[in-house]
Amino acid sequence: MRRSRSPVRVTVCGWLLIVLALLPFNTAAWADDAGLTIQISPSGSVVELQGPQSAVSASPNVMPRPLAGWYRLRASYPGYETWSSEIFIDASSPDRITASLAPKTRMRAGLRALVFPGWGHHYSDRSGRGTLITIVALGAAGGYLYFDNRADRKLGDFEAWQSRFDAATSVAEQERIQPELELARRKAFDAETDKRNWGWGALAFYAYQVVDAVLFFPEAPQMELHGVQFGVRSEGDALIALGASYAF
């Protein structure tokens, strides 16, 4: 004779299946409620969080809680201005923090190049070229100072011989001084010419690097993310989760 199933057992099994079916959705909901979403535009911006705990991730991402205290939030992306802000995080903080990075511009690159050679290229993420321009510009400035000092010395020599010539009390003494005076005059003239030529060359290079920073301002690169994961480290460097990884 076949035995019938107990109604109580069927009911318990049914509820258990319902709970198991809804568990993934409930878990996701709890994770969303417990997390702090940081969304920076453009997507893929590198987000750094510094405070009682430190974190690095790529936007958008959900940061696990609890994170309590004052934090410095910094976001960066190639071709965009770096953004940073001081924030206080606790249980009553908003569930989402959003910000938009401003794209870098040719005008700002040119203004920086005007202030200091190479700065505009560093600003536009051309650090190698910017470093080279800075080195050349410093060399040009140093060369101009050298030629300026040399011209002053040669002019001083000429003025000294001129004073001796003017102070001569006889024609014979003037004739003896005349060759040295003419030689000092030529050296002073040549030194002044070298100084002037070097100065114009340095000025031309300065103008060139400003034009180069503006005309050859690069387009913002696109960054493709691979396997991005969020990571948090406490002050004691105790690893809580894996860090972010990205490629571009």
C-alpha atoms as a PDB file:
ATOM      1  CA  MET A   1       0.000   0.000   0.000  1.00  0.00           C
ATOM      2  CA  ARG A   2       1.440   3.410  -1.045  1.00  0.00           C
ATOM      3  CA  ARG A   3       1.918   5.925   1.749  1.00  0.00           C
ATOM      4  CA  SER A   4       0.815   9.550   1.171  1.00  0.00           C
ATOM      5  CA  ARG A   5       3.152  12.495   1.832  1.00  0.00           C
ATOM      6  CA  SER A   6       2.680  14.555   4.928  1.00  0.00           C
ATOM      7  CA  PRO A   7       1.058  17.985   4.253  1.00  0.00           C
ATOM      8  CA  VAL A   8       3.374  19.569   6.784  1.00  0.00           C
ATOM      9  CA  ARG A   9       6.470  18.257   4.992  1.00  0.00           C
ATOM     10  CA  VAL A  10       5.206  19.497   1.632  1.00  0.00           C
ATOM     11  CA  THR A  11       4.534  22.946   3.093  1.00  0.00           C
ATOM     12  CA  VAL A  12       7.984  23.211   4.668  1.00  0.00           C
ATOM     13  CA  CYS A  13       9.701  22.124   1.459  1.00  0.00           C
ATOM     14  CA  GLY A  14       7.675  24.628  -0.539  1.00  0.00           C
ATOM     15  CA  TRP A  15       8.646  27.552   1.681  1.00  0.00           C
ATOM     16  CA  LEU A  16      12.243  26.415   1.618  1.00  0.00           C
ATOM     17  CA  LEU A  17      12.260  26.516  -2.195  1.00  0.00           C
ATOM     18  CA  ILE A  18      10.708  29.982  -2.191  1.00  0.00           C
ATOM     19  CA  VAL A  19      13.311  31.281   0.249  1.00  0.00           C
ATOM     20  CA  LEU A  20      16.158  29.763  -1.777  1.00  0.00           C
ATOM     21  CA  ALA A  21      14.735  31.265  -4.963  1.00  0.00           C
ATOM     22  CA  LEU A  22      14.481  34.760  -3.478  1.00  0.00           C
ATOM     23  CA  LEU A  23      17.772  34.635  -1.578  1.00  0.00           C
ATOM     24  CA  PRO A  24      19.982  35.896  -4.462  1.00  0.00           C
ATOM     25  CA  PHE A  25      17.673  38.843  -5.049  1.00  0.00           C
ATOM     26  CA  ASN A  26      17.532  39.698  -1.356  1.00  0.00           C
ATOM     27  CA  THR A  27      21.307  39.409  -1.078  1.00  0.00           C
ATOM     28  CA  ALA A  28      21.776  41.810  -3.988  1.00  0.00           C
ATOM     29  CA  ALA A  29      19.316  44.237  -2.476  1.00  0.00           C
ATOM     30  CA  TRP A  30      21.132  44.141   0.847  1.00  0.00           C
ATOM     31  CA  ALA A  31      24.458  44.689  -0.891  1.00  0.00           C
ATOM     32  CA  ASP A  32      23.061  47.717  -2.734  1.00  0.00           C
ATOM     33  CA  ASP A  33      21.587  49.126   0.462  1.00  0.00           C
ATOM     34  CA  ALA A  34      24.846  48.624   2.354  1.00  0.00           C
ATOM     35  CA  GLY A  35      27.150  49.974  -0.356  1.00  0.00           C
ATOM     36  CA  LEU A  36      28.190  53.493  -1.324  1.00  0.00           C
ATOM     37  CA  THR A  37      28.142  53.992  -5.104  1.00  0.00           C
ATOM     38  CA  ILE A  38      30.729  56.353  -6.531  1.00  0.00           C
ATOM     39  CA  GLN A  39      29.992  57.324 -10.115  1.00  0.00           C
ATOM     40  CA  ILE A  40      32.436  59.632 -11.876  1.00  0.00           C
ATOM     41  CA  SER A  41      32.009  60.738 -15.471  1.00  0.00           C
ATOM     42  CA  PRO A  42      33.623  59.641 -17.767  1.00  0.00           C
ATOM     43  CA  SER A  43      33.097  56.005 -16.926  1.00  0.00           C
ATOM     44  CA  GLY A  44      36.325  54.235 -16.052  1.00  0.00           C
ATOM     45  CA  SER A  45      37.822  57.125 -14.088  1.00  0.00           C
ATOM     46  CA  VAL A  46      40.297  55.978 -11.454  1.00  0.00           C
ATOM     47  CA  VAL A  47      38.922  56.766  -8.007  1.00  0.00           C
ATOM     48  CA  GLU A  48      41.186  56.985  -4.959  1.00  0.00           C
ATOM     49  CA  LEU A  49      39.824  57.153  -1.430  1.00  0.00           C
ATOM     50  CA  GLN A  50      42.185  58.175   1.371  1.00  0.00           C
ATOM     51  CA  GLY A  51      41.273  58.278   5.042  1.00  0.00           C
ATOM     52  CA  PRO A  52      40.942  55.786   7.902  1.00  0.00           C
ATOM     53  CA  GLN A  53      40.869  53.220   5.102  1.00  0.00           C
ATOM     54  CA  SER A  54      42.340  53.592   1.620  1.00  0.00           C
ATOM     55  CA  ALA A  55      40.778  52.350  -1.594  1.00  0.00           C
ATOM     56  CA  VAL A  56      41.393  52.394  -5.333  1.00  0.00           C
ATOM     57  CA  SER A  57      38.752  51.523  -7.892  1.00  0.00           C
ATOM     58  CA  ALA A  58      37.386  52.448 -11.293  1.00  0.00           C
ATOM     59  CA  SER A  59      34.096  54.314 -11.636  1.00  0.00           C
ATOM     60  CA  PRO A  60      31.335  53.315 -11.379  1.00  0.00           C
ATOM     61  CA  ASN A  61      31.750  51.057  -8.355  1.00  0.00           C
ATOM     62  CA  VAL A  62      30.103  50.197  -5.071  1.00  0.00           C
ATOM     63  CA  MET A  63      32.197  50.598  -1.956  1.00  0.00           C
ATOM     64  CA  PRO A  64      31.474  48.238   0.918  1.00  0.00           C
ATOM     65  CA  ARG A  65      30.482  49.739   4.238  1.00  0.00           C
ATOM     66  CA  PRO A  66      31.026  50.498   7.040  1.00  0.00           C
ATOM     67  CA  LEU A  67      33.331  53.349   6.057  1.00  0.00           C
ATOM     68  CA  ALA A  68      33.148  56.100   8.656  1.00  0.00           C
ATOM     69  CA  GLY A  69      35.084  59.335   8.991  1.00  0.00           C
ATOM     70  CA  TRP A  70      36.597  62.052   6.821  1.00  0.00           C
ATOM     71  CA  TYR A  71      37.957  60.938   3.463  1.00  0.00           C
ATOM     72  CA  ARG A  72      39.652  62.616   0.509  1.00  0.00           C
ATOM     73  CA  LEU A  73      38.130  61.460  -2.745  1.00  0.00           C
ATOM     74  CA  ARG A  74      40.278  61.894  -5.856  1.00  0.00           C
ATOM     75  CA  ALA A  75      39.274  60.997  -9.414  1.00  0.00           C
ATOM     76  CA  SER A  76      41.398  61.115 -12.563  1.00  0.00           C
ATOM     77  CA  TYR A  77      41.161  60.106 -16.203  1.00  0.00           C
ATOM     78  CA  PRO A  78      43.565  60.678 -19.124  1.00  0.00           C
ATOM     79  CA  GLY A  79      42.681  63.894 -20.935  1.00  0.00           C
ATOM     80  CA  TYR A  80      40.569  65.261 -18.062  1.00  0.00           C
ATOM     81  CA  GLU A  81      41.202  67.523 -15.094  1.00  0.00           C
ATOM     82  CA  THR A  82      41.837  65.745 -11.798  1.00  0.00           C
ATOM     83  CA  TRP A  83      38.998  66.222  -9.316  1.00  0.00           C
ATOM     84  CA  SER A  84      39.256  65.936  -5.534  1.00  0.00           C
ATOM     85  CA  SER A  85      37.003  66.647  -2.595  1.00  0.00           C
ATOM     86  CA  GLU A  86      36.780  66.149   1.170  1.00  0.00           C
ATOM     87  CA  ILE A  87      33.786  64.033   2.181  1.00  0.00           C
ATOM     88  CA  PHE A  88      32.447  62.692   5.453  1.00  0.00           C
ATOM     89  CA  ILE A  89      31.045  59.173   5.335  1.00  0.00           C
ATOM     90  CA  ASP A  90      28.786  57.601   7.952  1.00  0.00           C
ATOM     91  CA  ALA A  91      25.594  55.570   8.110  1.00  0.00           C
ATOM     92  CA  SER A  92      23.499  58.596   7.108  1.00  0.00           C
ATOM     93  CA  SER A  93      25.599  59.434   4.012  1.00  0.00           C
ATOM     94  CA  PRO A  94      23.899  59.393   0.599  1.00  0.00           C
ATOM     95  CA  ASP A  95      23.959  56.081  -1.232  1.00  0.00           C
ATOM     96  CA  ARG A  96      25.542  57.682  -4.315  1.00  0.00           C
ATOM     97  CA  ILE A  97      28.291  60.229  -4.941  1.00  0.00           C
ATOM     98  CA  THR A  98      28.481  61.631  -8.473  1.00  0.00           C
ATOM     99  CA  ALA A  99      30.862  64.029 -10.186  1.00  0.00           C
ATOM    100  CA  SER A 100      31.913  64.934 -13.717  1.00  0.00           C
ATOM    101  CA  LEU A 101      35.513  65.562 -14.696  1.00  0.00           C
ATOM    102  CA  ALA A 102      36.162  68.605 -16.873  1.00  0.00           C
ATOM    103  CA  PRO A 103      38.086  67.867 -20.086  1.00  0.00           C
ATOM    104  CA  LYS A 104      41.501  69.463 -20.444  1.00  0.00           C
ATOM    105  CA  THR A 105      41.683  72.257 -23.018  1.00  0.00           C
ATOM    106  CA  ARG A 106      44.200  73.748 -25.423  1.00  0.00           C
ATOM    107  CA  MET A 107      43.812  77.153 -23.820  1.00  0.00           C
ATOM    108  CA  ARG A 108      44.856  75.897 -20.396  1.00  0.00           C
ATOM    109  CA  ALA A 109      47.782  74.018 -21.904  1.00  0.00           C
ATOM    110  CA  GLY A 110      48.932  77.200 -23.673  1.00  0.00           C
ATOM    111  CA  LEU A 111      48.618  79.308 -20.528  1.00  0.00           C
ATOM    112  CA  ARG A 112      50.700  76.832 -18.578  1.00  0.00           C
ATOM    113  CA  ALA A 113      53.321  76.797 -21.325  1.00  0.00           C
ATOM    114  CA  LEU A 114      53.463  80.600 -21.089  1.00  0.00           C
ATOM    115  CA  VAL A 115      54.095  80.427 -17.353  1.00  0.00           C
ATOM    116  CA  PHE A 116      56.817  77.759 -17.536  1.00  0.00           C
ATOM    117  CA  PRO A 117      58.211  75.864 -20.552  1.00  0.00           C
ATOM    118  CA  GLY A 118      57.058  72.244 -20.599  1.00  0.00           C
ATOM    119  CA  TRP A 119      54.260  72.701 -18.076  1.00  0.00           C
ATOM    120  CA  GLY A 120      51.631  72.744 -20.812  1.00  0.00           C
ATOM    121  CA  HIS A 121      52.904  69.411 -22.151  1.00  0.00           C
ATOM    122  CA  HIS A 122      52.863  67.816 -18.706  1.00  0.00           C
ATOM    123  CA  TYR A 123      49.295  69.114 -18.339  1.00  0.00           C
ATOM    124  CA  SER A 124      48.260  67.392 -21.581  1.00  0.00           C
ATOM    125  CA  ASP A 125      49.822  64.083 -20.447  1.00  0.00           C
ATOM    126  CA  ARG A 126      52.878  64.395 -22.706  1.00  0.00           C
ATOM    127  CA  SER A 127      55.320  64.158 -19.860  1.00  0.00           C
ATOM    128  CA  GLY A 128      58.279  62.923 -21.916  1.00  0.00           C
ATOM    129  CA  ARG A 129      58.096  65.842 -24.335  1.00  0.00           C
ATOM    130  CA  GLY A 130      57.408  68.244 -21.491  1.00  0.00           C
ATOM    131  CA  THR A 131      60.506  67.101 -19.601  1.00  0.00           C
ATOM    132  CA  LEU A 132      62.652  67.476 -22.725  1.00  0.00           C
ATOM    133  CA  ILE A 133      61.299  70.985 -23.359  1.00  0.00           C
ATOM    134  CA  THR A 134      61.952  71.982 -19.753  1.00  0.00           C
ATOM    135  CA  ILE A 135      65.562  70.744 -19.944  1.00  0.00           C
ATOM    136  CA  VAL A 136      66.190  72.566 -23.229  1.00  0.00           C
ATOM    137  CA  ALA A 137      64.564  75.755 -21.906  1.00  0.00           C
ATOM    138  CA  LEU A 138      66.672  75.689 -18.736  1.00  0.00           C
ATOM    139  CA  GLY A 139      69.765  75.122 -20.872  1.00  0.00           C
ATOM    140  CA  ALA A 140      68.808  78.069 -23.076  1.00  0.00           C
ATOM    141  CA  ALA A 141      68.302  80.276 -20.031  1.00  0.00           C
ATOM    142  CA  GLY A 142      71.639  79.173 -18.590  1.00  0.00           C
ATOM    143  CA  GLY A 143      73.349  79.840 -21.913  1.00  0.00           C
ATOM    144  CA  TYR A 144      71.893  83.328 -22.089  1.00  0.00           C
ATOM    145  CA  LEU A 145      73.144  84.100 -18.587  1.00  0.00           C
ATOM    146  CA  TYR A 146      76.605  82.909 -19.617  1.00  0.00           C
ATOM    147  CA  PHE A 147      76.685  85.064 -22.758  1.00  0.00           C
ATOM    148  CA  ASP A 148      75.277  88.037 -20.853  1.00  0.00           C
ATOM    149  CA  ASN A 149      78.028  87.754 -18.252  1.00  0.00           C
ATOM    150  CA  ARG A 150      80.636  87.323 -20.996  1.00  0.00           C
ATOM    151  CA  ALA A 151      79.391  90.412 -22.825  1.00  0.00           C
ATOM    152  CA  ASP A 152      79.575  92.439 -19.616  1.00  0.00           C
ATOM    153  CA  ARG A 153      83.157  91.326 -19.013  1.00  0.00           C
ATOM    154  CA  LYS A 154      84.257  92.157 -22.569  1.00  0.00           C
ATOM    155  CA  LEU A 155      82.554  95.527 -22.359  1.00  0.00           C
ATOM    156  CA  GLY A 156      84.359  96.170 -19.081  1.00  0.00           C
ATOM    157  CA  ASP A 157      87.681  95.314 -20.716  1.00  0.00           C
ATOM    158  CA  PHE A 158      86.951  97.699 -23.579  1.00  0.00           C
ATOM    159  CA  GLU A 159      85.973 100.509 -21.220  1.00  0.00           C
ATOM    160  CA  ALA A 160      89.161  99.966 -19.232  1.00  0.00           C
ATOM    161  CA  TRP A 161      91.334 100.263 -22.341  1.00  0.00           C
ATOM    162  CA  GLN A 162      89.315 103.288 -23.457  1.00  0.00           C
ATOM    163  CA  SER A 163      89.991 104.984 -20.119  1.00  0.00           C
ATOM    164  CA  ARG A 164      93.716 104.272 -20.452  1.00  0.00           C
ATOM    165  CA  PHE A 165      93.665 105.671 -23.984  1.00  0.00           C
ATOM    166  CA  ASP A 166      91.892 108.834 -22.861  1.00  0.00           C
ATOM    167  CA  ALA A 167      94.292 109.250 -19.959  1.00  0.00           C
ATOM    168  CA  ALA A 168      97.394 108.947 -22.164  1.00  0.00           C
ATOM    169  CA  THR A 169      99.582 112.032 -22.008  1.00  0.00           C
ATOM    170  CA  SER A 170     101.378 111.544 -25.301  1.00  0.00           C
ATOM    171  CA  VAL A 171     100.694 110.482 -28.848  1.00  0.00           C
ATOM    172  CA  ALA A 172     103.227 107.684 -28.541  1.00  0.00           C
ATOM    173  CA  GLU A 173     101.396 106.234 -25.559  1.00  0.00           C
ATOM    174  CA  GLN A 174      98.083 106.404 -27.420  1.00  0.00           C
ATOM    175  CA  GLU A 175      99.614 104.636 -30.410  1.00  0.00           C
ATOM    176  CA  ARG A 176     100.846 101.894 -28.103  1.00  0.00           C
ATOM    177  CA  ILE A 177      97.392 101.468 -26.537  1.00  0.00           C
ATOM    178  CA  GLN A 178      95.449 101.758 -29.820  1.00  0.00           C
ATOM    179  CA  PRO A 179      95.862  98.078 -30.966  1.00  0.00           C
ATOM    180  CA  GLU A 180      94.725  96.742 -27.582  1.00  0.00           C
ATOM    181  CA  LEU A 181      91.788  99.138 -27.606  1.00  0.00           C
ATOM    182  CA  GLU A 182      90.678  97.981 -31.078  1.00  0.00           C
ATOM    183  CA  LEU A 183      91.017  94.323 -30.070  1.00  0.00           C
ATOM    184  CA  ALA A 184      88.925  94.921 -26.937  1.00  0.00           C
ATOM    185  CA  ARG A 185      86.356  96.775 -29.059  1.00  0.00           C
ATOM    186  CA  ARG A 186      85.989  93.799 -31.457  1.00  0.00           C
ATOM    187  CA  LYS A 187      85.729  91.295 -28.607  1.00  0.00           C
ATOM    188  CA  ALA A 188      83.050  93.384 -26.890  1.00  0.00           C
ATOM    189  CA  PHE A 189      81.105  93.707 -30.140  1.00  0.00           C
ATOM    190  CA  ASP A 190      81.343  89.947 -30.845  1.00  0.00           C
ATOM    191  CA  ALA A 191      80.296  89.082 -27.291  1.00  0.00           C
ATOM    192  CA  GLU A 192      77.272  91.367 -27.540  1.00  0.00           C
ATOM    193  CA  THR A 193      76.342  89.801 -30.888  1.00  0.00           C
ATOM    194  CA  ASP A 194      76.579  86.294 -29.414  1.00  0.00           C
ATOM    195  CA  LYS A 195      74.422  87.345 -26.482  1.00  0.00           C
ATOM    196  CA  ARG A 196      71.797  88.855 -28.786  1.00  0.00           C
ATOM    197  CA  ASN A 197      71.704  85.819 -31.095  1.00  0.00           C
ATOM    198  CA  TRP A 198      71.423  83.407 -28.200  1.00  0.00           C
ATOM    199  CA  GLY A 199      68.651  85.472 -26.647  1.00  0.00           C
ATOM    200  CA  TRP A 200      66.625  85.516 -29.858  1.00  0.00           C
ATOM    201  CA  GLY A 201      67.115  81.749 -30.185  1.00  0.00           C
ATOM    202  CA  ALA A 202      65.923  81.155 -26.623  1.00  0.00           C
ATOM    203  CA  LEU A 203      62.913  83.412 -27.203  1.00  0.00           C
ATOM    204  CA  ALA A 204      62.067  81.557 -30.426  1.00  0.00           C
ATOM    205  CA  PHE A 205      62.189  78.219 -28.604  1.00  0.00           C
ATOM    206  CA  TYR A 206      59.965  79.600 -25.843  1.00  0.00           C
ATOM    207  CA  ALA A 207      57.399  80.721 -28.426  1.00  0.00           C
ATOM    208  CA  TYR A 208      57.655  77.371 -30.236  1.00  0.00           C
ATOM    209  CA  GLN A 209      56.846  75.326 -27.153  1.00  0.00           C
ATOM    210  CA  VAL A 210      53.781  77.494 -26.475  1.00  0.00           C
ATOM    211  CA  VAL A 211      52.527  76.972 -30.047  1.00  0.00           C
ATOM    212  CA  ASP A 212      53.317  73.262 -29.841  1.00  0.00           C
ATOM    213  CA  ALA A 213      51.340  72.910 -26.598  1.00  0.00           C
ATOM    214  CA  VAL A 214      48.296  74.495 -28.259  1.00  0.00           C
ATOM    215  CA  LEU A 215      48.368  73.171 -31.838  1.00  0.00           C
ATOM    216  CA  PHE A 216      49.368  69.600 -31.014  1.00  0.00           C
ATOM    217  CA  PHE A 217      47.120  69.223 -27.993  1.00  0.00           C
ATOM    218  CA  PRO A 218      46.210  65.504 -27.954  1.00  0.00           C
ATOM    219  CA  GLU A 219      42.705  64.128 -28.060  1.00  0.00           C
ATOM    220  CA  ALA A 220      41.524  62.463 -24.858  1.00  0.00           C
ATOM    221  CA  PRO A 221      42.389  58.723 -25.059  1.00  0.00           C
ATOM    222  CA  GLN A 222      39.770  56.083 -24.482  1.00  0.00           C
ATOM    223  CA  MET A 223      40.469  53.681 -21.647  1.00  0.00           C
ATOM    224  CA  GLU A 224      39.258  50.093 -21.832  1.00  0.00           C
ATOM    225  CA  LEU A 225      38.733  48.356 -18.506  1.00  0.00           C
ATOM    226  CA  HIS A 226      39.492  44.685 -17.903  1.00  0.00           C
ATOM    227  CA  GLY A 227      38.372  42.780 -14.826  1.00  0.00           C
ATOM    228  CA  VAL A 228      37.834  45.775 -12.595  1.00  0.00           C
ATOM    229  CA  GLN A 229      37.420  44.917  -8.931  1.00  0.00           C
ATOM    230  CA  PHE A 230      37.136  47.115  -5.894  1.00  0.00           C
ATOM    231  CA  GLY A 231      39.663  47.027  -3.082  1.00  0.00           C
ATOM    232  CA  VAL A 232      39.933  48.495   0.391  1.00  0.00           C
ATOM    233  CA  ARG A 233      42.928  48.613   2.674  1.00  0.00           C
ATOM    234  CA  SER A 234      42.863  49.729   6.288  1.00  0.00           C
ATOM    235  CA  GLU A 235      45.576  51.816   7.879  1.00  0.00           C
ATOM    236  CA  GLY A 236      47.315  48.612   8.935  1.00  0.00           C
ATOM    237  CA  ASP A 237      47.320  47.389   5.315  1.00  0.00           C
ATOM    238  CA  ALA A 238      45.004  44.531   6.217  1.00  0.00           C
ATOM    239  CA  LEU A 239      43.589  43.416   2.879  1.00  0.00           C
ATOM    240  CA  ILE A 240      39.801  43.322   2.809  1.00  0.00           C
ATOM    241  CA  ALA A 241      39.241  42.856  -0.915  1.00  0.00           C
ATOM    242  CA  LEU A 242      41.168  42.826  -4.181  1.00  0.00           C
ATOM    243  CA  GLY A 243      42.292  46.094  -5.738  1.00  0.00           C
ATOM    244  CA  ALA A 244      41.382  47.623  -9.058  1.00  0.00           C
ATOM    245  CA  SER A 245      43.030  46.686 -12.320  1.00  0.00           C
ATOM    246  CA  TYR A 246      42.641  48.524 -15.602  1.00  0.00           C
ATOM    247  CA  ALA A 247      44.332  49.001 -18.935  1.00  0.00           C
ATOM    248  CA  PHE A 248      44.231  51.752 -21.555  1.00  0.00           C
END
